Amino acid sequence: MSSATSSQLNIPSKKDSVSAEEWQLRVDLAAAYRLIALYGWDDLIFTHISARIPGDEHHFLINPYGLMFEEITASSLVRVDQDANKINPEDFDINPAGFTIHSAIHAVRDDAECVMHTHTAAGVAVSAQKDGLLPLSQQSLFPLASLAYHDYEGVALREDEKARLQKDLGNANSMILRNHGLLTVGKSIANAFLGMYILQRACEVQISALSGNRELTPIPDGIVDTIKQQASQVTKGQGGNLAWPGLLRKLDRLDPGFRD
């Protein structure tokens, strides 16, 4: 979204009213929303990406309800508490129900600075397949090394589902929500995004492979078991931070308005 669009939505800049640390988090989270839209993983105004603000207050940033992901800016993001109450009354409204999954995970995973959730066609398709994600591609091995499943219980509105969601996720960094979509967590926004990128690509490859009407060759179990060590080598120990600066440069070339 350009600065002109920011003015049309009447979004005053928060850069001078928040800490430098929170502002950087806002910029990175706005970038993640823009990237989700850029890669076509958004679902109109639905789904969410949340990020924990450092400190003892247990506050989080989430998208304003009603804005397209391509419109999200650093200043438009809404600061909420663990119960999805807005901290700043003048901020846009949010979808409290949309924070149910995110708040459940943030509550038990101190390492999850960012929780990312999507409803992509390939992700939902794989989530509906009984065997879930299969070891059919190199991309599939990375999420398979830390993958959980959660059975569908209807639209995620019920408080009692939180405990089951927390238990199912455990210490995994990727989750397939049955008949629903994909979810990744990360110790940074960059890590959560890279996890989602690889999980999404693995699902796309699987749907394409299964549509070919030919016998498939799964990757042997022994190779699947060694991927955790290899994952760190692939990113030179930097995780998502290896690709993140390039992704920000890409967004800056297209439209730097996410930084507003």
C-alpha atoms as a PDB file:
ATOM      1  CA  MET A   1       0.000   0.000   0.000  1.00  0.00           C
ATOM      2  CA  SER A   2       1.406   3.368  -0.979  1.00  0.00           C
ATOM      3  CA  SER A   3       1.522   6.411   1.277  1.00  0.00           C
ATOM      4  CA  ALA A   4      -1.495   7.786  -0.598  1.00  0.00           C
ATOM      5  CA  THR A   5      -3.470   4.691   0.311  1.00  0.00           C
ATOM      6  CA  SER A   6      -2.328   5.018   3.925  1.00  0.00           C
ATOM      7  CA  SER A   7      -3.798   8.508   3.956  1.00  0.00           C
ATOM      8  CA  GLN A   8      -7.077   7.254   2.476  1.00  0.00           C
ATOM      9  CA  LEU A   9      -7.367   4.762   5.336  1.00  0.00           C
ATOM     10  CA  ASN A  10      -6.405   7.463   7.845  1.00  0.00           C
ATOM     11  CA  ILE A  11      -3.594   5.503   9.478  1.00  0.00           C
ATOM     12  CA  PRO A  12      -1.311   7.815  11.475  1.00  0.00           C
ATOM     13  CA  SER A  13       2.293   6.707  11.806  1.00  0.00           C
ATOM     14  CA  LYS A  14       3.224   4.953  15.032  1.00  0.00           C
ATOM     15  CA  LYS A  15       6.955   5.109  14.414  1.00  0.00           C
ATOM     16  CA  ASP A  16       7.575   7.837  16.981  1.00  0.00           C
ATOM     17  CA  SER A  17       5.158   6.458  19.579  1.00  0.00           C
ATOM     18  CA  VAL A  18       6.561   2.936  20.006  1.00  0.00           C
ATOM     19  CA  SER A  19       9.982   1.585  20.908  1.00  0.00           C
ATOM     20  CA  ALA A  20      12.540   0.982  18.174  1.00  0.00           C
ATOM     21  CA  GLU A  21      12.276  -2.734  18.914  1.00  0.00           C
ATOM     22  CA  GLU A  22       8.499  -2.773  18.488  1.00  0.00           C
ATOM     23  CA  TRP A  23       8.733  -0.681  15.321  1.00  0.00           C
ATOM     24  CA  GLN A  24      11.129  -3.166  13.718  1.00  0.00           C
ATOM     25  CA  LEU A  25       8.771  -5.981  14.688  1.00  0.00           C
ATOM     26  CA  ARG A  26       5.909  -4.060  13.077  1.00  0.00           C
ATOM     27  CA  VAL A  27       7.869  -3.572   9.868  1.00  0.00           C
ATOM     28  CA  ASP A  28       8.778  -7.255   9.683  1.00  0.00           C
ATOM     29  CA  LEU A  29       5.210  -8.378  10.424  1.00  0.00           C
ATOM     30  CA  ALA A  30       3.767  -5.991   7.831  1.00  0.00           C
ATOM     31  CA  ALA A  31       6.296  -7.414   5.384  1.00  0.00           C
ATOM     32  CA  ALA A  32       5.125 -10.941   6.167  1.00  0.00           C
ATOM     33  CA  TYR A  33       1.527  -9.982   5.403  1.00  0.00           C
ATOM     34  CA  ARG A  34       2.593  -8.385   2.120  1.00  0.00           C
ATOM     35  CA  LEU A  35       4.611 -11.487   1.189  1.00  0.00           C
ATOM     36  CA  ILE A  36       1.666 -13.778   1.921  1.00  0.00           C
ATOM     37  CA  ALA A  37      -0.387 -11.660  -0.498  1.00  0.00           C
ATOM     38  CA  LEU A  38       2.423 -11.497  -3.040  1.00  0.00           C
ATOM     39  CA  TYR A  39       2.735 -15.278  -3.200  1.00  0.00           C
ATOM     40  CA  GLY A  40      -1.040 -15.713  -3.403  1.00  0.00           C
ATOM     41  CA  TRP A  41      -1.450 -17.428  -0.033  1.00  0.00           C
ATOM     42  CA  ASP A  42      -3.964 -14.944   1.372  1.00  0.00           C
ATOM     43  CA  ASP A  43      -7.670 -15.667   1.733  1.00  0.00           C
ATOM     44  CA  LEU A  44      -9.222 -12.230   1.256  1.00  0.00           C
ATOM     45  CA  ILE A  45      -9.151 -10.704   4.768  1.00  0.00           C
ATOM     46  CA  PHE A  46      -9.123 -14.037   6.588  1.00  0.00           C
ATOM     47  CA  THR A  47      -6.322 -15.913   8.407  1.00  0.00           C
ATOM     48  CA  HIS A  48      -3.726 -14.164  10.526  1.00  0.00           C
ATOM     49  CA  ILE A  49      -0.084 -13.753  11.391  1.00  0.00           C
ATOM     50  CA  SER A  50       0.680 -12.755  14.965  1.00  0.00           C
ATOM     51  CA  ALA A  51       3.901 -11.619  16.600  1.00  0.00           C
ATOM     52  CA  ARG A  52       4.756 -11.320  20.289  1.00  0.00           C
ATOM     53  CA  ILE A  53       6.028  -7.944  21.440  1.00  0.00           C
ATOM     54  CA  PRO A  54       9.064  -8.357  23.719  1.00  0.00           C
ATOM     55  CA  GLY A  55       8.416  -7.738  27.413  1.00  0.00           C
ATOM     56  CA  ASP A  56       6.453  -9.067  30.343  1.00  0.00           C
ATOM     57  CA  GLU A  57       3.078  -7.688  29.221  1.00  0.00           C
ATOM     58  CA  HIS A  58       2.300 -10.582  26.868  1.00  0.00           C
ATOM     59  CA  HIS A  59       1.122  -8.241  24.132  1.00  0.00           C
ATOM     60  CA  PHE A  60       0.899  -9.157  20.478  1.00  0.00           C
ATOM     61  CA  LEU A  61       0.556  -7.585  17.058  1.00  0.00           C
ATOM     62  CA  ILE A  62      -2.113  -8.776  14.635  1.00  0.00           C
ATOM     63  CA  ASN A  63      -3.807  -7.491  11.508  1.00  0.00           C
ATOM     64  CA  PRO A  64      -6.742  -5.073  11.520  1.00  0.00           C
ATOM     65  CA  TYR A  65      -9.877  -6.927  10.475  1.00  0.00           C
ATOM     66  CA  GLY A  66     -11.102  -5.798   7.069  1.00  0.00           C
ATOM     67  CA  LEU A  67      -7.795  -4.781   5.492  1.00  0.00           C
ATOM     68  CA  MET A  68      -6.433  -6.868   2.644  1.00  0.00           C
ATOM     69  CA  PHE A  69      -3.022  -8.339   3.363  1.00  0.00           C
ATOM     70  CA  GLU A  70      -1.564  -6.229   0.559  1.00  0.00           C
ATOM     71  CA  GLU A  71      -2.720  -3.131   2.473  1.00  0.00           C
ATOM     72  CA  ILE A  72      -1.118  -3.930   5.831  1.00  0.00           C
ATOM     73  CA  THR A  73       1.417  -1.411   7.103  1.00  0.00           C
ATOM     74  CA  ALA A  74       3.593  -1.270  10.196  1.00  0.00           C
ATOM     75  CA  SER A  75       1.342   1.412  11.718  1.00  0.00           C
ATOM     76  CA  SER A  76      -1.943  -0.349  10.909  1.00  0.00           C
ATOM     77  CA  LEU A  77      -1.090  -3.437  12.960  1.00  0.00           C
ATOM     78  CA  VAL A  78      -3.071  -3.693  16.188  1.00  0.00           C
ATOM     79  CA  ARG A  79      -1.550  -4.306  19.600  1.00  0.00           C
ATOM     80  CA  VAL A  80      -3.644  -6.707  21.708  1.00  0.00           C
ATOM     81  CA  ASP A  81      -3.321  -8.591  24.972  1.00  0.00           C
ATOM     82  CA  GLN A  82      -3.576 -12.359  25.467  1.00  0.00           C
ATOM     83  CA  ASP A  83      -7.382 -12.105  25.395  1.00  0.00           C
ATOM     84  CA  ALA A  84      -7.448 -10.112  22.133  1.00  0.00           C
ATOM     85  CA  ASN A  85      -8.355  -6.828  23.840  1.00  0.00           C
ATOM     86  CA  LYS A  86      -7.055  -3.793  21.964  1.00  0.00           C
ATOM     87  CA  ILE A  87      -4.442  -1.825  23.906  1.00  0.00           C
ATOM     88  CA  ASN A  88      -5.012   1.352  21.893  1.00  0.00           C
ATOM     89  CA  PRO A  89      -8.760   2.129  21.542  1.00  0.00           C
ATOM     90  CA  GLU A  90      -8.158   4.252  18.437  1.00  0.00           C
ATOM     91  CA  ASP A  91      -6.743   1.288  16.508  1.00  0.00           C
ATOM     92  CA  PHE A  92      -8.716  -0.637  13.929  1.00  0.00           C
ATOM     93  CA  ASP A  93     -10.914  -3.447  15.176  1.00  0.00           C
ATOM     94  CA  ILE A  94      -9.658  -7.011  15.000  1.00  0.00           C
ATOM     95  CA  ASN A  95     -11.329 -10.392  14.697  1.00  0.00           C
ATOM     96  CA  PRO A  96     -11.094 -11.832  18.243  1.00  0.00           C
ATOM     97  CA  ALA A  97     -12.066 -15.292  16.996  1.00  0.00           C
ATOM     98  CA  GLY A  98      -9.160 -15.189  14.591  1.00  0.00           C
ATOM     99  CA  PHE A  99      -6.769 -14.819  17.511  1.00  0.00           C
ATOM    100  CA  THR A 100      -8.008 -18.009  19.219  1.00  0.00           C
ATOM    101  CA  ILE A 101      -5.479 -20.320  17.579  1.00  0.00           C
ATOM    102  CA  HIS A 102      -2.665 -17.800  17.911  1.00  0.00           C
ATOM    103  CA  SER A 103      -3.261 -16.989  21.569  1.00  0.00           C
ATOM    104  CA  ALA A 104      -3.387 -20.693  22.413  1.00  0.00           C
ATOM    105  CA  ILE A 105       0.042 -21.258  20.885  1.00  0.00           C
ATOM    106  CA  HIS A 106       1.661 -18.094  22.229  1.00  0.00           C
ATOM    107  CA  ALA A 107       0.467 -19.048  25.728  1.00  0.00           C
ATOM    108  CA  VAL A 108       2.499 -22.268  25.847  1.00  0.00           C
ATOM    109  CA  ARG A 109       5.333 -21.679  23.393  1.00  0.00           C
ATOM    110  CA  ASP A 110       7.728 -19.041  24.674  1.00  0.00           C
ATOM    111  CA  ASP A 111       9.905 -19.722  21.631  1.00  0.00           C
ATOM    112  CA  ALA A 112       7.095 -18.771  19.236  1.00  0.00           C
ATOM    113  CA  GLU A 113       7.593 -15.086  18.540  1.00  0.00           C
ATOM    114  CA  CYS A 114       5.521 -15.502  15.382  1.00  0.00           C
ATOM    115  CA  VAL A 115       2.551 -17.729  14.532  1.00  0.00           C
ATOM    116  CA  MET A 116       1.522 -17.887  10.874  1.00  0.00           C
ATOM    117  CA  HIS A 117      -1.674 -19.490   9.550  1.00  0.00           C
ATOM    118  CA  THR A 118      -2.915 -19.907   5.957  1.00  0.00           C
ATOM    119  CA  HIS A 119      -5.846 -21.388   4.027  1.00  0.00           C
ATOM    120  CA  THR A 120      -4.155 -22.084   0.683  1.00  0.00           C
ATOM    121  CA  ALA A 121      -5.724 -24.480  -1.808  1.00  0.00           C
ATOM    122  CA  ALA A 122      -2.728 -26.837  -1.730  1.00  0.00           C
ATOM    123  CA  GLY A 123      -2.467 -26.662   2.052  1.00  0.00           C
ATOM    124  CA  VAL A 124      -6.140 -27.400   2.629  1.00  0.00           C
ATOM    125  CA  ALA A 125      -6.017 -30.163   0.011  1.00  0.00           C
ATOM    126  CA  VAL A 126      -3.152 -31.945   1.773  1.00  0.00           C
ATOM    127  CA  SER A 127      -4.837 -31.388   5.139  1.00  0.00           C
ATOM    128  CA  ALA A 128      -7.852 -33.279   3.790  1.00  0.00           C
ATOM    129  CA  GLN A 129      -5.771 -36.270   2.671  1.00  0.00           C
ATOM    130  CA  LYS A 130      -5.740 -39.111   5.202  1.00  0.00           C
ATOM    131  CA  ASP A 131      -1.965 -39.626   5.080  1.00  0.00           C
ATOM    132  CA  GLY A 132      -1.191 -35.925   5.333  1.00  0.00           C
ATOM    133  CA  LEU A 133       2.164 -34.704   4.101  1.00  0.00           C
ATOM    134  CA  LEU A 134       4.140 -37.412   2.302  1.00  0.00           C
ATOM    135  CA  PRO A 135       7.941 -37.635   1.888  1.00  0.00           C
ATOM    136  CA  LEU A 136       7.776 -37.056  -1.852  1.00  0.00           C
ATOM    137  CA  SER A 137      10.098 -34.084  -2.272  1.00  0.00           C
ATOM    138  CA  GLN A 138      13.154 -32.505  -0.749  1.00  0.00           C
ATOM    139  CA  GLN A 139      10.900 -29.648   0.381  1.00  0.00           C
ATOM    140  CA  SER A 140       8.694 -32.053   2.337  1.00  0.00           C
ATOM    141  CA  LEU A 141      11.570 -33.273   4.492  1.00  0.00           C
ATOM    142  CA  PHE A 142      12.040 -30.012   6.383  1.00  0.00           C
ATOM    143  CA  PRO A 143       8.474 -29.728   7.751  1.00  0.00           C
ATOM    144  CA  LEU A 144       8.341 -33.516   8.257  1.00  0.00           C
ATOM    145  CA  ALA A 145      11.240 -33.150  10.707  1.00  0.00           C
ATOM    146  CA  SER A 146       8.970 -31.097  13.007  1.00  0.00           C
ATOM    147  CA  LEU A 147       5.352 -31.637  11.986  1.00  0.00           C
ATOM    148  CA  ALA A 148       2.145 -32.028  14.015  1.00  0.00           C
ATOM    149  CA  TYR A 149      -1.532 -32.529  13.141  1.00  0.00           C
ATOM    150  CA  HIS A 150      -4.724 -31.203  14.710  1.00  0.00           C
ATOM    151  CA  ASP A 151      -8.119 -32.671  13.844  1.00  0.00           C
ATOM    152  CA  TYR A 152     -10.883 -30.399  12.636  1.00  0.00           C
ATOM    153  CA  GLU A 153     -13.388 -29.321  15.304  1.00  0.00           C
ATOM    154  CA  GLY A 154     -15.248 -26.634  13.391  1.00  0.00           C
ATOM    155  CA  VAL A 155     -14.447 -22.934  13.147  1.00  0.00           C
ATOM    156  CA  ALA A 156     -11.866 -22.207  15.849  1.00  0.00           C
ATOM    157  CA  LEU A 157     -14.082 -20.288  18.246  1.00  0.00           C
ATOM    158  CA  ARG A 158     -14.290 -22.544  21.309  1.00  0.00           C
ATOM    159  CA  GLU A 159     -12.042 -21.979  24.299  1.00  0.00           C
ATOM    160  CA  ASP A 160     -11.928 -25.688  25.132  1.00  0.00           C
ATOM    161  CA  GLU A 161     -10.233 -26.457  21.796  1.00  0.00           C
ATOM    162  CA  LYS A 162      -7.167 -24.499  22.886  1.00  0.00           C
ATOM    163  CA  ALA A 163      -5.881 -27.239  25.196  1.00  0.00           C
ATOM    164  CA  ARG A 164      -6.158 -29.864  22.461  1.00  0.00           C
ATOM    165  CA  LEU A 165      -4.453 -27.571  19.974  1.00  0.00           C
ATOM    166  CA  GLN A 166      -1.604 -26.946  22.402  1.00  0.00           C
ATOM    167  CA  LYS A 167      -1.184 -30.651  23.111  1.00  0.00           C
ATOM    168  CA  ASP A 168      -1.223 -31.582  19.429  1.00  0.00           C
ATOM    169  CA  LEU A 169       1.361 -28.962  18.482  1.00  0.00           C
ATOM    170  CA  GLY A 170       3.731 -29.867  21.313  1.00  0.00           C
ATOM    171  CA  ASN A 171       7.233 -28.753  20.343  1.00  0.00           C
ATOM    172  CA  ALA A 172       6.669 -28.948  16.582  1.00  0.00           C
ATOM    173  CA  ASN A 173       7.270 -25.915  14.382  1.00  0.00           C
ATOM    174  CA  SER A 174       4.809 -26.859  11.637  1.00  0.00           C
ATOM    175  CA  MET A 175       1.236 -28.051  11.912  1.00  0.00           C
ATOM    176  CA  ILE A 176      -1.373 -29.274   9.477  1.00  0.00           C
ATOM    177  CA  LEU A 177      -4.841 -28.347  10.675  1.00  0.00           C
ATOM    178  CA  ARG A 178      -7.029 -31.108   9.241  1.00  0.00           C
ATOM    179  CA  ASN A 179      -9.567 -29.890   6.652  1.00  0.00           C
ATOM    180  CA  HIS A 180      -8.477 -26.351   7.462  1.00  0.00           C
ATOM    181  CA  GLY A 181      -4.974 -25.302   6.469  1.00  0.00           C
ATOM    182  CA  LEU A 182      -1.357 -24.826   7.478  1.00  0.00           C
ATOM    183  CA  LEU A 183       0.384 -23.281  10.469  1.00  0.00           C
ATOM    184  CA  THR A 184       3.996 -22.518  11.322  1.00  0.00           C
ATOM    185  CA  VAL A 185       5.685 -21.022  14.351  1.00  0.00           C
ATOM    186  CA  GLY A 186       9.114 -19.462  14.611  1.00  0.00           C
ATOM    187  CA  LYS A 187      11.439 -17.729  17.022  1.00  0.00           C
ATOM    188  CA  SER A 188      11.322 -14.875  14.526  1.00  0.00           C
ATOM    189  CA  ILE A 189       9.000 -13.692  11.776  1.00  0.00           C
ATOM    190  CA  ALA A 190      11.669 -14.652   9.260  1.00  0.00           C
ATOM    191  CA  ASN A 191      11.778 -18.229  10.560  1.00  0.00           C
ATOM    192  CA  ALA A 192       7.999 -18.616  10.573  1.00  0.00           C
ATOM    193  CA  PHE A 193       7.815 -17.318   7.006  1.00  0.00           C
ATOM    194  CA  LEU A 194      10.549 -19.616   5.726  1.00  0.00           C
ATOM    195  CA  GLY A 195       8.814 -22.533   7.433  1.00  0.00           C
ATOM    196  CA  MET A 196       5.533 -21.625   5.736  1.00  0.00           C
ATOM    197  CA  TYR A 197       7.204 -21.165   2.363  1.00  0.00           C
ATOM    198  CA  ILE A 198       8.720 -24.636   2.474  1.00  0.00           C
ATOM    199  CA  LEU A 199       5.574 -26.299   3.872  1.00  0.00           C
ATOM    200  CA  GLN A 200       3.416 -24.608   1.241  1.00  0.00           C
ATOM    201  CA  ARG A 201       5.777 -25.637  -1.570  1.00  0.00           C
ATOM    202  CA  ALA A 202       5.841 -29.227  -0.282  1.00  0.00           C
ATOM    203  CA  CYS A 203       2.033 -29.299  -0.400  1.00  0.00           C
ATOM    204  CA  GLU A 204       2.000 -27.885  -3.929  1.00  0.00           C
ATOM    205  CA  VAL A 205       4.471 -30.525  -5.088  1.00  0.00           C
ATOM    206  CA  GLN A 206       2.445 -33.286  -3.447  1.00  0.00           C
ATOM    207  CA  ILE A 207      -0.812 -32.229  -5.113  1.00  0.00           C
ATOM    208  CA  SER A 208       0.967 -32.039  -8.481  1.00  0.00           C
ATOM    209  CA  ALA A 209       2.621 -35.445  -7.995  1.00  0.00           C
ATOM    210  CA  LEU A 210      -0.617 -37.148  -6.977  1.00  0.00           C
ATOM    211  CA  SER A 211      -2.387 -35.722 -10.017  1.00  0.00           C
ATOM    212  CA  GLY A 212       0.073 -37.395 -12.404  1.00  0.00           C
ATOM    213  CA  ASN A 213      -1.564 -40.837 -12.202  1.00  0.00           C
ATOM    214  CA  ARG A 214       1.814 -42.575 -11.952  1.00  0.00           C
ATOM    215  CA  GLU A 215       3.435 -44.651  -9.230  1.00  0.00           C
ATOM    216  CA  LEU A 216       5.387 -42.408  -6.876  1.00  0.00           C
ATOM    217  CA  THR A 217       8.816 -42.890  -5.305  1.00  0.00           C
ATOM    218  CA  PRO A 218       8.835 -41.868  -1.616  1.00  0.00           C
ATOM    219  CA  ILE A 219      12.063 -40.735  -0.002  1.00  0.00           C
ATOM    220  CA  PRO A 220      13.534 -43.540   2.172  1.00  0.00           C
ATOM    221  CA  ASP A 221      13.006 -43.249   5.944  1.00  0.00           C
ATOM    222  CA  GLY A 222      16.739 -43.097   6.618  1.00  0.00           C
ATOM    223  CA  ILE A 223      17.074 -39.881   4.633  1.00  0.00           C
ATOM    224  CA  VAL A 224      14.013 -38.386   6.305  1.00  0.00           C
ATOM    225  CA  ASP A 225      15.584 -39.029   9.708  1.00  0.00           C
ATOM    226  CA  THR A 226      18.784 -37.105   8.884  1.00  0.00           C
ATOM    227  CA  ILE A 227      17.136 -33.911   7.690  1.00  0.00           C
ATOM    228  CA  LYS A 228      17.270 -32.050  11.009  1.00  0.00           C
ATOM    229  CA  GLN A 229      21.048 -31.833  10.861  1.00  0.00           C
ATOM    230  CA  GLN A 230      21.035 -30.931   7.178  1.00  0.00           C
ATOM    231  CA  ALA A 231      18.469 -28.147   7.641  1.00  0.00           C
ATOM    232  CA  SER A 232      20.921 -26.055   9.650  1.00  0.00           C
ATOM    233  CA  GLN A 233      23.616 -26.582   7.022  1.00  0.00           C
ATOM    234  CA  VAL A 234      21.335 -25.443   4.196  1.00  0.00           C
ATOM    235  CA  THR A 235      20.741 -22.050   5.838  1.00  0.00           C
ATOM    236  CA  LYS A 236      24.291 -21.758   7.217  1.00  0.00           C
ATOM    237  CA  GLY A 237      22.799 -21.761  10.710  1.00  0.00           C
ATOM    238  CA  GLN A 238      20.875 -18.542  10.011  1.00  0.00           C
ATOM    239  CA  GLY A 239      17.428 -20.054   9.514  1.00  0.00           C
ATOM    240  CA  GLY A 240      14.980 -17.647   7.955  1.00  0.00           C
ATOM    241  CA  ASN A 241      17.367 -14.734   8.384  1.00  0.00           C
ATOM    242  CA  LEU A 242      19.341 -15.931   5.381  1.00  0.00           C
ATOM    243  CA  ALA A 243      16.498 -15.165   2.946  1.00  0.00           C
ATOM    244  CA  TRP A 244      14.682 -12.408   4.851  1.00  0.00           C
ATOM    245  CA  PRO A 245      16.815  -9.401   3.801  1.00  0.00           C
ATOM    246  CA  GLY A 246      16.354 -10.361   0.144  1.00  0.00           C
ATOM    247  CA  LEU A 247      12.594 -10.660   0.645  1.00  0.00           C
ATOM    248  CA  LEU A 248      12.484  -7.184   2.178  1.00  0.00           C
ATOM    249  CA  ARG A 249      14.451  -5.806  -0.785  1.00  0.00           C
ATOM    250  CA  LYS A 250      11.936  -7.454  -3.093  1.00  0.00           C
ATOM    251  CA  LEU A 251       9.060  -5.739  -1.301  1.00  0.00           C
ATOM    252  CA  ASP A 252      10.892  -2.406  -1.337  1.00  0.00           C
ATOM    253  CA  ARG A 253      11.248  -2.653  -5.115  1.00  0.00           C
ATOM    254  CA  LEU A 254       7.542  -3.398  -5.534  1.00  0.00           C
ATOM    255  CA  ASP A 255       6.086  -1.025  -2.912  1.00  0.00           C
ATOM    256  CA  PRO A 256       7.862   0.144   0.251  1.00  0.00           C
ATOM    257  CA  GLY A 257       4.544   1.274   1.759  1.00  0.00           C
ATOM    258  CA  PHE A 258       4.555  -1.621   4.217  1.00  0.00           C
ATOM    259  CA  ARG A 259       7.118   0.380   6.190  1.00  0.00           C
ATOM    260  CA  ASP A 260       4.651   3.251   6.813  1.00  0.00           C
END
